Amino acid sequence: MSFDANLLLPFLSPEPNSRERVGFVMQDTFEIVEVENVCHDPINGFEVSGADLVEHGDRAYATWHTHPGQSSNLTFGDHSSFLNYPHLVHYIVGTDGVTAYQVENGRVLIAP
């Protein structure tokens, strides 16, 4: 069984200046969990609270977040964040669909 990343598409707001949404995909069940975006500028970035990391981090298969009104291309902030969690798959949901990223040997790459 594998995760269907297209299940994340409904989380993308069609409005370009909307808050980025963020969450986890859980191991085994592939349940999608949305958590609060606590970033100081949630229109241009995302951040997960420490409490949400403690609650979901150990059971997560992947992270996900949206890029309202933008493509799913990797940003500098995304790159830096993903490097902190090299054991997870990272999905970005954008106007062009969903792109999966993974960390391999200290580099962030598009996942196969």
N, C-alpha and C. Protein backbone atom coordinates (compact mmCIF):
# COMPACT_ATOMS: atom_id res chain seq x y z
N MET A 1 0.84 -1.18 0.00
CA MET A 1 0.00 0.00 0.00
C MET A 1 0.89 1.24 0.00
N SER A 2 0.56 2.21 -0.85
CA SER A 2 1.33 3.45 -0.89
C SER A 2 0.38 4.63 -0.76
N PHE A 3 0.94 5.75 -0.42
CA PHE A 3 0.15 6.96 -0.21
C PHE A 3 -0.16 7.63 -1.54
N ASP A 4 -1.42 8.00 -1.76
CA ASP A 4 -1.85 8.74 -2.95
C ASP A 4 -1.76 10.23 -2.63
N ALA A 5 -0.71 10.87 -3.11
CA ALA A 5 -0.46 12.28 -2.81
C ALA A 5 -1.57 13.20 -3.31
N ASN A 6 -2.35 12.75 -4.29
CA ASN A 6 -3.45 13.58 -4.79
C ASN A 6 -4.52 13.82 -3.73
N LEU A 7 -4.52 13.02 -2.66
CA LEU A 7 -5.46 13.25 -1.57
C LEU A 7 -5.19 14.57 -0.85
N LEU A 8 -4.02 15.15 -1.09
CA LEU A 8 -3.67 16.43 -0.47
C LEU A 8 -4.19 17.64 -1.26
N LEU A 9 -4.60 17.43 -2.49
CA LEU A 9 -5.04 18.55 -3.34
C LEU A 9 -6.18 19.39 -2.75
N PRO A 10 -7.18 18.80 -2.08
CA PRO A 10 -8.25 19.63 -1.52
C PRO A 10 -7.80 20.61 -0.44
N PHE A 11 -6.60 20.45 0.10
CA PHE A 11 -6.11 21.36 1.14
C PHE A 11 -5.59 22.68 0.55
N LEU A 12 -5.36 22.73 -0.76
CA LEU A 12 -4.84 23.93 -1.40
C LEU A 12 -5.96 24.95 -1.60
N SER A 13 -5.77 26.13 -1.05
CA SER A 13 -6.72 27.22 -1.26
C SER A 13 -6.49 27.82 -2.64
N PRO A 14 -7.56 28.12 -3.37
CA PRO A 14 -7.39 28.75 -4.69
C PRO A 14 -6.97 30.22 -4.61
N GLU A 15 -7.10 30.80 -3.43
CA GLU A 15 -6.76 32.22 -3.25
C GLU A 15 -5.25 32.39 -3.05
N PRO A 16 -4.59 33.21 -3.87
CA PRO A 16 -3.12 33.36 -3.79
C PRO A 16 -2.60 33.89 -2.46
N ASN A 17 -3.34 34.72 -1.75
CA ASN A 17 -2.86 35.30 -0.50
C ASN A 17 -3.43 34.62 0.73
N SER A 18 -3.70 33.33 0.61
CA SER A 18 -4.21 32.55 1.73
C SER A 18 -3.05 32.04 2.58
N ARG A 19 -3.39 31.65 3.79
CA ARG A 19 -2.39 31.04 4.68
C ARG A 19 -1.95 29.70 4.12
N GLU A 20 -0.67 29.39 4.27
CA GLU A 20 -0.20 28.06 3.95
C GLU A 20 -0.78 27.10 4.99
N ARG A 21 -1.19 25.94 4.53
CA ARG A 21 -1.69 24.90 5.43
C ARG A 21 -0.60 23.85 5.56
N VAL A 22 -0.58 23.16 6.70
CA VAL A 22 0.53 22.26 6.99
C VAL A 22 0.03 21.06 7.80
N GLY A 23 0.73 19.96 7.68
CA GLY A 23 0.36 18.79 8.47
C GLY A 23 1.27 17.61 8.23
N PHE A 24 0.75 16.46 8.61
CA PHE A 24 1.50 15.21 8.54
C PHE A 24 0.66 14.15 7.83
N VAL A 25 1.35 13.17 7.27
CA VAL A 25 0.72 11.93 6.81
C VAL A 25 1.25 10.86 7.75
N MET A 26 0.34 10.12 8.38
CA MET A 26 0.74 9.17 9.41
C MET A 26 1.18 7.83 8.80
N GLN A 27 2.12 7.19 9.47
CA GLN A 27 2.60 5.87 9.05
C GLN A 27 1.45 4.87 9.09
N ASP A 28 1.60 3.80 8.33
CA ASP A 28 0.68 2.66 8.29
C ASP A 28 -0.70 3.00 7.74
N THR A 29 -1.41 3.95 8.32
CA THR A 29 -2.78 4.25 7.89
C THR A 29 -2.83 5.31 6.79
N PHE A 30 -1.76 6.09 6.65
CA PHE A 30 -1.69 7.22 5.72
C PHE A 30 -2.78 8.26 6.00
N GLU A 31 -3.21 8.32 7.26
CA GLU A 31 -4.17 9.35 7.66
C GLU A 31 -3.51 10.72 7.48
N ILE A 32 -4.27 11.67 6.93
CA ILE A 32 -3.79 13.04 6.75
C ILE A 32 -4.23 13.86 7.96
N VAL A 33 -3.26 14.45 8.63
CA VAL A 33 -3.53 15.27 9.82
C VAL A 33 -3.10 16.70 9.50
N GLU A 34 -4.00 17.65 9.69
CA GLU A 34 -3.66 19.06 9.54
C GLU A 34 -3.42 19.65 10.92
N VAL A 35 -2.36 20.45 11.04
CA VAL A 35 -2.06 21.14 12.29
C VAL A 35 -2.02 22.64 12.02
N GLU A 36 -2.03 23.41 13.09
CA GLU A 36 -2.01 24.86 12.95
C GLU A 36 -0.66 25.33 12.41
N ASN A 37 -0.70 26.25 11.46
CA ASN A 37 0.50 26.90 10.97
C ASN A 37 0.81 28.06 11.91
N VAL A 38 1.88 27.93 12.69
CA VAL A 38 2.21 28.95 13.69
C VAL A 38 3.31 29.92 13.20
N CYS A 39 3.57 29.91 11.92
CA CYS A 39 4.59 30.80 11.34
C CYS A 39 4.18 32.26 11.56
N HIS A 40 5.15 33.13 11.83
CA HIS A 40 4.88 34.56 12.01
C HIS A 40 4.33 35.19 10.73
N ASP A 41 4.58 34.58 9.56
CA ASP A 41 4.07 35.06 8.28
C ASP A 41 3.46 33.87 7.54
N PRO A 42 2.28 33.41 7.95
CA PRO A 42 1.70 32.17 7.41
C PRO A 42 1.26 32.26 5.95
N ILE A 43 1.27 33.44 5.38
CA ILE A 43 0.96 33.56 3.95
C ILE A 43 2.18 33.18 3.12
N ASN A 44 3.37 33.36 3.67
CA ASN A 44 4.60 33.09 2.93
C ASN A 44 5.47 32.00 3.55
N GLY A 45 4.95 31.27 4.52
CA GLY A 45 5.75 30.24 5.14
C GLY A 45 4.92 29.36 6.05
N PHE A 46 5.56 28.36 6.57
CA PHE A 46 4.87 27.46 7.50
C PHE A 46 5.80 27.08 8.63
N GLU A 47 5.20 26.79 9.76
CA GLU A 47 5.94 26.30 10.93
C GLU A 47 4.97 25.48 11.76
N VAL A 48 5.48 24.38 12.28
CA VAL A 48 4.69 23.49 13.13
C VAL A 48 5.11 23.73 14.57
N SER A 49 4.14 23.75 15.47
CA SER A 49 4.46 23.97 16.89
C SER A 49 5.19 22.77 17.47
N GLY A 50 5.95 23.02 18.52
CA GLY A 50 6.63 21.95 19.22
C GLY A 50 5.67 20.90 19.74
N ALA A 51 4.52 21.34 20.23
CA ALA A 51 3.51 20.41 20.74
C ALA A 51 3.01 19.47 19.63
N ASP A 52 2.79 20.02 18.42
CA ASP A 52 2.34 19.18 17.31
C ASP A 52 3.44 18.23 16.85
N LEU A 53 4.69 18.68 16.90
CA LEU A 53 5.80 17.79 16.57
C LEU A 53 5.89 16.62 17.54
N VAL A 54 5.73 16.91 18.82
CA VAL A 54 5.77 15.85 19.84
C VAL A 54 4.59 14.89 19.64
N GLU A 55 3.41 15.45 19.37
CA GLU A 55 2.22 14.61 19.22
C GLU A 55 2.25 13.73 17.97
N HIS A 56 2.75 14.25 16.85
CA HIS A 56 2.65 13.53 15.58
C HIS A 56 3.98 13.07 14.98
N GLY A 57 5.08 13.70 15.37
CA GLY A 57 6.35 13.46 14.71
C GLY A 57 6.84 12.03 14.68
N ASP A 58 6.72 11.32 15.79
CA ASP A 58 7.22 9.94 15.85
C ASP A 58 6.40 8.96 15.03
N ARG A 59 5.16 9.33 14.72
CA ARG A 59 4.28 8.43 13.97
C ARG A 59 4.12 8.86 12.51
N ALA A 60 4.81 9.91 12.11
CA ALA A 60 4.64 10.46 10.77
C ALA A 60 5.45 9.71 9.73
N TYR A 61 4.84 9.56 8.58
CA TYR A 61 5.51 9.05 7.38
C TYR A 61 6.02 10.23 6.57
N ALA A 62 5.24 11.34 6.59
CA ALA A 62 5.55 12.48 5.74
C ALA A 62 5.01 13.77 6.35
N THR A 63 5.53 14.88 5.85
CA THR A 63 4.97 16.21 6.12
C THR A 63 4.34 16.70 4.83
N TRP A 64 3.46 17.68 4.95
CA TRP A 64 2.89 18.33 3.77
C TRP A 64 2.60 19.79 4.11
N HIS A 65 2.65 20.62 3.09
CA HIS A 65 2.19 21.99 3.23
C HIS A 65 1.80 22.52 1.86
N THR A 66 1.06 23.61 1.86
CA THR A 66 0.54 24.17 0.61
C THR A 66 1.28 25.44 0.22
N HIS A 67 1.22 25.72 -1.07
CA HIS A 67 1.72 26.97 -1.65
C HIS A 67 0.55 27.63 -2.38
N PRO A 68 -0.36 28.32 -1.67
CA PRO A 68 -1.52 28.94 -2.33
C PRO A 68 -1.11 29.90 -3.45
N GLY A 69 -1.70 29.69 -4.63
CA GLY A 69 -1.43 30.58 -5.76
C GLY A 69 -0.04 30.42 -6.36
N GLN A 70 0.68 29.38 -5.95
CA GLN A 70 2.05 29.17 -6.45
C GLN A 70 2.26 27.70 -6.80
N SER A 71 3.35 27.43 -7.48
CA SER A 71 3.68 26.06 -7.85
C SER A 71 4.21 25.29 -6.64
N SER A 72 4.42 24.03 -6.84
CA SER A 72 4.95 23.17 -5.78
C SER A 72 6.48 23.13 -5.77
N ASN A 73 7.10 24.13 -6.39
CA ASN A 73 8.56 24.21 -6.40
C ASN A 73 9.10 24.45 -5.00
N LEU A 74 10.25 23.92 -4.76
CA LEU A 74 10.93 24.05 -3.48
C LEU A 74 11.40 25.49 -3.27
N THR A 75 11.14 26.04 -2.08
CA THR A 75 11.65 27.36 -1.73
C THR A 75 12.87 27.18 -0.81
N PHE A 76 13.57 28.27 -0.55
CA PHE A 76 14.71 28.20 0.36
C PHE A 76 14.26 27.75 1.74
N GLY A 77 13.15 28.30 2.22
CA GLY A 77 12.62 27.92 3.53
C GLY A 77 12.23 26.45 3.58
N ASP A 78 11.60 25.96 2.51
CA ASP A 78 11.24 24.54 2.44
C ASP A 78 12.50 23.68 2.54
N HIS A 79 13.50 24.04 1.75
CA HIS A 79 14.77 23.29 1.73
C HIS A 79 15.37 23.20 3.12
N SER A 80 15.45 24.32 3.80
CA SER A 80 16.04 24.34 5.15
C SER A 80 15.23 23.48 6.12
N SER A 81 13.92 23.58 6.03
CA SER A 81 13.04 22.81 6.92
C SER A 81 13.17 21.31 6.66
N PHE A 82 13.16 20.92 5.41
CA PHE A 82 13.20 19.50 5.06
C PHE A 82 14.51 18.85 5.54
N LEU A 83 15.60 19.59 5.51
CA LEU A 83 16.88 19.04 5.97
C LEU A 83 16.84 18.63 7.43
N ASN A 84 15.96 19.26 8.22
CA ASN A 84 15.84 18.93 9.64
C ASN A 84 15.15 17.59 9.88
N TYR A 85 14.46 17.07 8.87
CA TYR A 85 13.70 15.83 9.01
C TYR A 85 14.00 14.91 7.84
N PRO A 86 15.25 14.42 7.76
CA PRO A 86 15.66 13.64 6.58
C PRO A 86 14.99 12.27 6.48
N HIS A 87 14.38 11.81 7.54
CA HIS A 87 13.74 10.49 7.53
C HIS A 87 12.31 10.53 7.00
N LEU A 88 11.78 11.72 6.73
CA LEU A 88 10.40 11.87 6.26
C LEU A 88 10.35 12.22 4.78
N VAL A 89 9.27 11.87 4.14
CA VAL A 89 8.95 12.38 2.81
C VAL A 89 8.27 13.72 3.03
N HIS A 90 8.45 14.66 2.11
CA HIS A 90 7.88 16.00 2.25
C HIS A 90 7.10 16.33 0.99
N TYR A 91 5.82 16.65 1.15
CA TYR A 91 4.95 16.99 0.02
C TYR A 91 4.66 18.48 0.02
N ILE A 92 4.76 19.08 -1.17
CA ILE A 92 4.33 20.46 -1.36
C ILE A 92 3.16 20.43 -2.34
N VAL A 93 2.06 21.07 -1.94
CA VAL A 93 0.85 21.11 -2.76
C VAL A 93 0.77 22.51 -3.37
N GLY A 94 0.82 22.57 -4.70
CA GLY A 94 0.78 23.85 -5.39
C GLY A 94 -0.20 23.83 -6.54
N THR A 95 -0.24 24.93 -7.28
CA THR A 95 -1.18 25.06 -8.40
C THR A 95 -0.90 24.05 -9.51
N ASP A 96 0.30 23.50 -9.54
CA ASP A 96 0.67 22.51 -10.56
C ASP A 96 0.53 21.07 -10.05
N GLY A 97 -0.02 20.89 -8.86
CA GLY A 97 -0.19 19.55 -8.30
C GLY A 97 0.64 19.36 -7.04
N VAL A 98 0.99 18.11 -6.76
CA VAL A 98 1.74 17.76 -5.55
C VAL A 98 3.11 17.22 -5.97
N THR A 99 4.15 17.74 -5.34
CA THR A 99 5.50 17.24 -5.57
C THR A 99 6.04 16.69 -4.26
N ALA A 100 6.63 15.50 -4.34
CA ALA A 100 7.23 14.85 -3.18
C ALA A 100 8.74 15.07 -3.20
N TYR A 101 9.28 15.38 -2.03
CA TYR A 101 10.71 15.60 -1.88
C TYR A 101 11.25 14.66 -0.80
N GLN A 102 12.51 14.31 -0.92
CA GLN A 102 13.16 13.51 0.10
C GLN A 102 14.59 14.03 0.30
N VAL A 103 15.14 13.74 1.45
CA VAL A 103 16.52 14.15 1.74
C VAL A 103 17.39 12.92 1.56
N GLU A 104 18.43 13.09 0.77
CA GLU A 104 19.36 11.99 0.50
C GLU A 104 20.78 12.53 0.53
N ASN A 105 21.59 12.00 1.42
CA ASN A 105 22.98 12.44 1.56
C ASN A 105 23.09 13.95 1.74
N GLY A 106 22.20 14.53 2.55
CA GLY A 106 22.25 15.95 2.84
C GLY A 106 21.72 16.84 1.74
N ARG A 107 21.10 16.25 0.73
CA ARG A 107 20.54 17.03 -0.39
C ARG A 107 19.04 16.78 -0.47
N VAL A 108 18.28 17.82 -0.78
CA VAL A 108 16.85 17.69 -0.97
C VAL A 108 16.59 17.43 -2.45
N LEU A 109 15.95 16.30 -2.73
CA LEU A 109 15.70 15.87 -4.09
C LEU A 109 14.22 15.60 -4.31
N ILE A 110 13.79 15.65 -5.57
CA ILE A 110 12.43 15.21 -5.88
C ILE A 110 12.39 13.71 -5.68
N ALA A 111 11.40 13.24 -4.96
CA ALA A 111 11.28 11.81 -4.68
C ALA A 111 10.79 11.08 -5.92
N PRO A 112 11.27 9.86 -6.12
CA PRO A 112 10.82 9.10 -7.30
C PRO A 112 9.36 8.69 -7.19
